[in-house]
Protein backbone atom coordinates (compact mmCIF):
# COMPACT_ATOMS: atom_id res chain seq x y z
CA MET A 1 0.00 0.00 0.00
CA SER A 2 2.99 2.31 0.39
CA LEU A 3 3.86 2.04 -3.32
CA PRO A 4 2.27 3.71 -6.36
CA LYS A 5 -0.25 1.44 -8.06
CA GLY A 6 1.83 0.64 -11.14
CA LEU A 7 4.98 -0.04 -9.13
CA ALA A 8 3.03 -2.10 -6.60
CA GLU A 9 1.69 -4.36 -9.36
CA GLU A 10 5.14 -4.87 -10.86
CA VAL A 11 6.64 -5.73 -7.48
CA ALA A 12 3.75 -8.10 -6.73
CA CYS A 13 4.26 -9.94 -10.01
CA ASN A 14 7.90 -10.57 -9.14
CA LEU A 15 6.98 -11.82 -5.67
CA VAL A 16 4.45 -14.22 -7.19
CA MET A 17 7.18 -15.65 -9.44
CA VAL A 18 9.45 -16.08 -6.41
CA ALA A 19 6.74 -18.12 -4.68
CA ARG A 20 6.09 -20.24 -7.76
CA LEU A 21 9.73 -21.07 -8.53
CA ILE A 22 11.45 -21.24 -5.16
CA ASP A 23 10.95 -25.01 -4.72
CA GLU A 24 11.68 -26.21 -8.26
CA GLU A 25 13.94 -23.52 -9.72
CA PRO A 26 15.46 -21.57 -6.83
CA GLU A 27 17.99 -19.74 -9.00
CA GLN A 28 15.24 -18.19 -11.11
CA ALA A 29 13.28 -17.37 -7.98
CA TYR A 30 16.35 -15.61 -6.63
CA ALA A 31 16.62 -13.56 -9.84
CA TYR A 32 13.01 -12.40 -9.51
CA SER A 33 13.58 -11.52 -5.86
CA ARG A 34 16.50 -9.28 -6.82
CA ILE A 35 14.26 -7.39 -9.24
CA ALA A 36 11.63 -6.88 -6.55
CA LEU A 37 14.32 -5.82 -4.09
CA ARG A 38 15.66 -3.26 -6.53
CA LEU A 39 12.18 -1.82 -7.03
CA ALA A 40 11.03 -1.73 -3.41
CA SER A 41 13.77 -2.38 -0.88
CA ARG A 42 11.84 -0.66 1.91
CA VAL A 43 8.93 -3.10 1.84
CA ALA A 44 9.18 -5.81 4.51
CA ALA A 45 7.51 -8.47 2.33
CA VAL A 46 10.09 -7.87 -0.37
CA ARG A 47 12.99 -8.23 2.06
CA GLU A 48 11.49 -11.42 3.44
CA ALA A 49 10.98 -12.92 -0.02
CA ALA A 50 14.53 -11.98 -0.97
CA GLY A 51 15.74 -13.68 2.19
CA PHE A 52 13.94 -16.95 1.44
CA ALA A 53 15.16 -16.93 -2.17
CA ALA A 54 18.74 -16.44 -1.01
CA TYR A 55 18.25 -19.15 1.63
CA ALA A 56 16.99 -21.58 -1.04
CA THR A 57 20.17 -21.00 -3.08
CA GLN A 58 22.38 -21.42 0.02
CA LYS A 59 23.42 -17.77 0.08
CA TYR A 60 23.16 -17.78 3.85
CA SER A 61 24.95 -14.53 4.59
CA GLU A 62 22.71 -12.63 2.19
CA ALA A 63 19.61 -14.41 3.48
CA LEU A 64 20.47 -13.55 7.08
CA ALA A 65 20.88 -9.87 6.20
CA GLU A 66 17.48 -9.79 4.48
CA PHE A 67 15.75 -11.58 7.36
CA ARG A 68 17.22 -9.15 9.85
CA ALA A 69 16.03 -6.21 7.76
CA ALA A 70 12.51 -7.66 7.53
CA ARG A 71 12.44 -8.26 11.29
CA ARG A 72 13.48 -4.67 11.99
CA MET A 73 10.67 -3.43 9.75
CA THR A 74 7.94 -5.62 11.22
CA GLY A 75 9.14 -6.41 14.73
CA SER A 76 7.98 -10.00 14.20
CA VAL A 77 9.92 -12.98 15.60
CA GLU A 78 8.54 -15.58 13.16
CA LEU A 79 11.79 -15.51 11.15
CA TRP A 80 13.89 -16.37 14.22
CA PRO A 81 14.25 -20.13 13.47
CA VAL A 82 15.33 -19.60 9.86
CA MET A 83 17.76 -16.91 10.98
CA ALA A 84 19.30 -19.42 13.38
CA ASP A 85 19.51 -21.96 10.56
CA CYS A 86 21.39 -19.41 8.46
CA GLU A 87 23.95 -19.28 11.28
CA ARG A 88 24.30 -23.04 10.90
CA GLY A 89 24.74 -22.63 7.15
CA LEU A 90 27.54 -20.15 7.81
CA GLY A 91 29.32 -22.73 9.94
CA ARG A 92 28.36 -21.17 13.27
CA PRO A 93 26.27 -23.81 15.10
CA GLU A 94 27.21 -22.29 18.46
CA ARG A 95 25.48 -19.08 17.43
CA ALA A 96 22.36 -21.05 16.50
CA LEU A 97 22.35 -22.66 19.96
CA SER A 98 22.73 -19.25 21.53
CA MET A 99 19.72 -17.95 19.62
CA ALA A 100 17.70 -20.90 20.93
CA GLY A 101 18.05 -19.46 24.41
CA GLU A 102 16.90 -15.94 23.50
CA PRO A 103 13.53 -14.56 24.70
CA GLU A 104 12.30 -14.42 21.09
CA VAL A 105 11.82 -18.20 21.14
CA GLN A 106 9.16 -17.90 23.80
CA LYS A 107 7.16 -15.63 21.51
CA LEU A 108 7.03 -18.18 18.72
CA ASP A 109 3.85 -20.13 17.98
CA LYS A 110 3.80 -23.92 18.08
CA ALA A 111 5.02 -24.29 14.50
CA GLY A 112 7.86 -21.84 15.15
CA GLN A 113 8.93 -23.66 18.29
CA VAL A 114 9.05 -26.97 16.45
CA GLU A 115 11.15 -25.35 13.73
CA MET A 116 13.50 -23.99 16.38
CA ARG A 117 13.80 -27.45 17.89
CA LEU A 118 14.76 -28.86 14.49
CA VAL A 119 17.41 -26.17 14.07
CA VAL A 120 18.88 -26.84 17.50
CA ALA A 121 19.02 -30.59 16.80
CA GLY A 122 20.80 -29.86 13.55
CA ALA A 123 23.30 -27.64 15.35
CA ARG A 124 23.98 -30.40 17.85
CA ARG A 125 24.67 -32.81 15.01
CA ASP A 126 26.97 -30.27 13.38
CA MET A 127 28.97 -30.27 16.58
CA GLY A 128 29.06 -34.08 16.67
CA GLN A 129 26.62 -34.34 19.61
CA LEU A 130 24.31 -37.06 18.27
CA ASP A 131 22.84 -38.08 21.61
CA ALA A 132 22.06 -34.47 22.46
CA ALA A 133 20.38 -34.07 19.07
CA ILE A 134 18.19 -37.12 19.74
CA VAL A 135 17.19 -35.82 23.16
CA THR A 136 16.41 -32.39 21.71
CA LEU A 137 13.91 -33.92 19.28
CA GLN A 138 12.16 -35.97 21.96
CA SER A 139 9.20 -33.74 22.70
CA PRO A 140 5.43 -33.89 23.19
CA GLU A 141 5.00 -32.94 19.52
CA LEU A 142 7.01 -36.01 18.50
CA ALA A 143 5.03 -38.34 20.73
CA SER A 144 1.66 -36.96 19.66
CA ASN A 145 -0.52 -39.13 17.42
CA SER A 146 -2.14 -36.13 15.77
CA VAL A 147 -0.73 -35.12 12.40
CA GLN A 148 0.27 -31.48 12.06
CA PRO A 149 2.08 -29.69 9.22
CA TRP A 150 5.39 -30.20 11.02
CA THR A 151 4.82 -33.83 12.11
CA ALA A 152 6.43 -35.55 9.11
CA ARG A 153 9.56 -33.39 9.23
CA LEU A 154 9.95 -33.82 12.99
CA ARG A 155 9.64 -37.60 12.80
CA TYR A 156 11.98 -37.71 9.82
CA ALA A 157 14.65 -35.68 11.64
CA TYR A 158 14.35 -37.97 14.66
CA ALA A 159 14.67 -41.09 12.50
CA ASP A 160 17.69 -39.64 10.70
CA ALA A 161 19.39 -38.84 14.01
CA LEU A 162 18.74 -42.38 15.25
CA LEU A 163 20.23 -43.80 12.08
CA ALA A 164 23.32 -41.60 12.47
CA ALA A 165 23.67 -43.06 15.97
CA THR A 166 23.51 -46.60 14.42
CA ARG A 167 20.14 -47.35 16.02
CA GLU A 168 18.74 -48.82 12.83
CA ASP A 169 15.71 -50.64 14.22
CA GLU A 170 14.40 -47.52 15.90
CA ALA A 171 15.26 -45.46 12.84
CA ARG A 172 13.23 -47.76 10.63
CA GLU A 173 10.24 -47.43 12.95
CA TRP A 174 10.34 -43.65 12.86
CA PHE A 175 10.92 -43.45 9.12
CA ALA A 176 7.73 -45.50 8.77
CA LYS A 177 5.90 -43.08 11.08
CA ALA A 178 7.25 -40.13 9.10
CA LEU A 179 6.01 -41.71 5.89
CA GLU A 180 2.60 -42.24 7.45
CA ALA A 181 2.34 -38.53 8.27
CA ASP A 182 3.90 -37.30 5.01
CA LYS A 183 0.82 -36.90 2.86
CA ASP A 184 2.37 -34.26 0.60
CA GLY A 185 5.69 -36.01 -0.01
CA THR A 186 7.79 -33.33 1.66
CA THR A 187 10.40 -35.89 2.74
CA ASP A 188 12.07 -38.90 1.16
CA ALA A 189 11.02 -41.16 4.02
CA SER A 190 9.85 -43.85 1.59
CA ASP A 191 13.27 -44.05 -0.04
CA ARG A 192 15.07 -44.15 3.29
CA LEU A 193 12.75 -46.88 4.52
CA ALA A 194 13.27 -48.93 1.38
CA GLU A 195 17.03 -48.50 1.71
CA LEU A 196 16.92 -49.90 5.23
CA ASP A 197 14.84 -52.83 3.99
CA GLY A 198 17.30 -53.53 1.19
CA VAL A 199 14.78 -52.81 -1.56
CA ASP A 200 16.07 -51.51 -4.88
CA PHE A 201 13.71 -49.63 -7.16
CA VAL A 202 13.99 -49.99 -10.95
CA ASP A 203 12.51 -47.30 -13.11
CA ALA A 204 10.57 -49.22 -15.74
CA MET A 205 9.88 -46.04 -17.66
CA VAL A 206 13.53 -45.88 -18.71
CA GLU A 207 13.23 -49.17 -20.63
CA ASP A 208 9.94 -48.08 -22.14
CA ASP A 209 11.54 -44.86 -23.33
CA ASP A 210 14.37 -46.81 -24.93
CA GLU A 211 11.89 -49.01 -26.76
CA VAL A 212 9.95 -46.03 -27.95
CA ASP A 213 13.14 -44.37 -29.14
CA GLY A 214 14.11 -47.52 -31.00
CA ASP A 215 10.75 -47.70 -32.73
CA ALA A 216 10.92 -44.05 -33.59
CA GLU A 217 14.28 -44.54 -35.32
CA ALA A 218 12.95 -47.17 -37.71
CA PRO A 219 11.00 -44.79 -39.97
CA ARG A 220 13.98 -42.48 -39.98
CA ALA A 221 16.20 -45.29 -41.27
CA VAL A 222 13.76 -46.01 -44.08
CA ALA A 223 13.64 -42.35 -44.97
CA GLU A 224 17.43 -42.22 -45.20
CA ASP A 225 17.40 -45.06 -47.76
CA LEU A 226 15.16 -43.11 -50.13
CA PRO A 227 16.86 -41.14 -52.93
CA ALA A 228 17.31 -37.48 -52.28
CA ASP A 229 14.85 -35.17 -53.95
CA PRO A 230 16.81 -32.41 -55.76
CA ASP A 231 13.85 -30.06 -55.35
CA PHE A 232 14.02 -30.26 -51.56
CA ASP A 233 16.69 -29.35 -49.07
CA ASP A 234 17.82 -31.35 -46.02
CA GLU A 235 14.93 -30.01 -43.98
CA GLY A 236 12.37 -31.36 -46.43
CA GLU A 237 11.32 -27.89 -47.53
CA GLU A 238 11.09 -26.99 -51.18
CA GLU A 239 13.83 -24.66 -52.39
CA ASP A 240 12.06 -21.91 -54.30
CA GLU A 241 14.77 -19.32 -54.05
CA PHE A 242 18.54 -19.20 -54.02
CA GLU A 243 20.08 -17.40 -51.12
CA GLY A 244 23.65 -16.36 -50.62
CA ASP A 245 26.31 -14.67 -52.74
CA ASP A 246 27.01 -14.89 -56.50
CA THR A 247 28.96 -18.10 -56.01
CA ASP A 248 25.87 -19.83 -54.70
CA ILE A 249 23.86 -18.57 -57.67
CA VAL A 250 26.46 -19.83 -60.18
CA ARG A 251 26.61 -23.17 -58.43
CA ALA A 252 22.82 -23.42 -58.50
CA ALA A 253 22.77 -22.57 -62.22
CA THR A 254 25.44 -25.20 -62.91
CA GLU A 255 23.49 -27.83 -61.04
CA THR A 256 20.40 -26.89 -63.04
CA ALA A 257 22.31 -27.20 -66.31
CA ASP A 258 23.71 -30.58 -65.29
CA ALA A 259 20.26 -31.77 -64.45
CA ALA A 260 18.82 -30.58 -67.80
CA PRO A 261 20.00 -33.55 -69.98
CA ALA A 262 18.32 -35.93 -67.58
CA VAL A 263 15.04 -34.09 -68.17
CA ALA A 264 15.57 -33.88 -71.94
CA GLU A 265 16.36 -37.60 -72.42
CA PRO A 266 12.73 -38.62 -73.02
CA ALA A 267 12.80 -36.45 -76.19
CA LYS A 268 15.38 -38.88 -77.67
CA ALA A 269 12.97 -41.69 -77.21
CA ASP A 270 10.36 -39.71 -79.14
CA SER A 271 12.73 -39.37 -82.14
CA ALA A 272 11.93 -42.92 -83.17
CA VAL A 273 8.34 -41.94 -83.53
CA ALA A 274 9.23 -38.86 -85.53
CA GLU A 275 11.31 -40.79 -88.15
CA PRO A 276 8.35 -41.40 -90.50
CA ALA A 277 7.92 -37.65 -90.79
CA GLN A 278 11.51 -37.43 -92.03
CA ASP A 279 10.75 -40.05 -94.73
CA GLU A 280 7.76 -38.02 -95.90
CA ALA A 281 10.00 -34.98 -96.18
CA VAL A 282 11.91 -36.74 -99.02
CA ILE A 283 8.79 -36.64 -101.17
CA VAL A 284 8.61 -32.87 -101.06
CA ALA A 285 12.38 -32.35 -101.22
CA PRO A 286 13.76 -29.73 -103.69
CA ALA A 287 14.51 -30.77 -107.29
CA THR A 288 17.90 -32.24 -108.17
CA ASP A 289 20.55 -30.56 -110.36
CA ALA A 290 19.58 -32.71 -113.37
CA ASP A 291 16.04 -31.47 -113.23
CA ALA A 292 17.30 -27.94 -113.09
CA ASP A 293 19.35 -28.49 -116.29
CA ASP A 294 16.31 -29.89 -118.10
CA LYS A 295 14.30 -26.88 -117.14
CA HIS A 296 17.11 -24.63 -118.33
CA ASP A 297 17.21 -26.42 -121.75
CA ASP A 298 13.43 -26.06 -122.12
CA LYS A 299 13.76 -22.38 -121.42
CA ASP A 300 16.45 -22.05 -124.07
CA LYS A 301 14.29 -23.86 -126.68
CA GLY A 302 11.43 -21.56 -125.90
CA SER A 303 13.68 -18.62 -126.52
CA ASP A 304 14.73 -19.98 -129.96
CA LYS A 305 11.14 -20.37 -130.99
CA ASP A 306 10.42 -16.85 -129.96
CA ALA A 307 13.38 -15.70 -132.06
């Protein structure tokens, strides 16, 4: 609301693209966020979107700066867990643990507190404290049978920590529970569970694609065996015009001249049919020299008579 209408719409369009692309194409989402940031750097929503786009591309220092700016503008603490995770990404797990003890954590809602717990467990693992990470994740939210938006990720993190501690049986149990709660496929719990069970998946579509490609090549092979059509180029399009410099035009004219006898050959075959006409021409041929002399003598006799 603080922006002019036209500018506000342009910024909003860029933010929409960030939201659409951040999961599948984070680099493009980051590019859109930079455009929005250049247009409206004093808007908290823009700084927050820029922070998440940088976070998705592992630009943790830049993401942390944007999150801090958004927090100063809004006074909200909801970005506190992701800010702590940026500290982990920068190789400062101790700083993440320190943030977990700040008063801001108490102001977080249930989802934010679960996120903070996940960050703290990750920091413990970064420091090689696997048992502490497991204990950190053991919470009422983990033991609850109700499925919440964070349930699958919390169970998955707990199973992964157990597996890192070589507690495979327990890890398998919790991967199964994570899969049960993961309705949207936000984790790869199914793959991890199959790996523990020794199950290998084969992508049948790969073989089908190969068969389809093989069938598709057959008509192409037949087409290659056909003689080339001089009236068509390699693309199968008729060549109506010559393009290029004078050399191309001369070459084209030469090829046309070379091709001309092949077109004119049927006329030779027709000459056999035309031979009778040549025989008839003998009948109407001009008189011979002897006939001319006779006519000359007759003319001379006529002159004597006249004399």
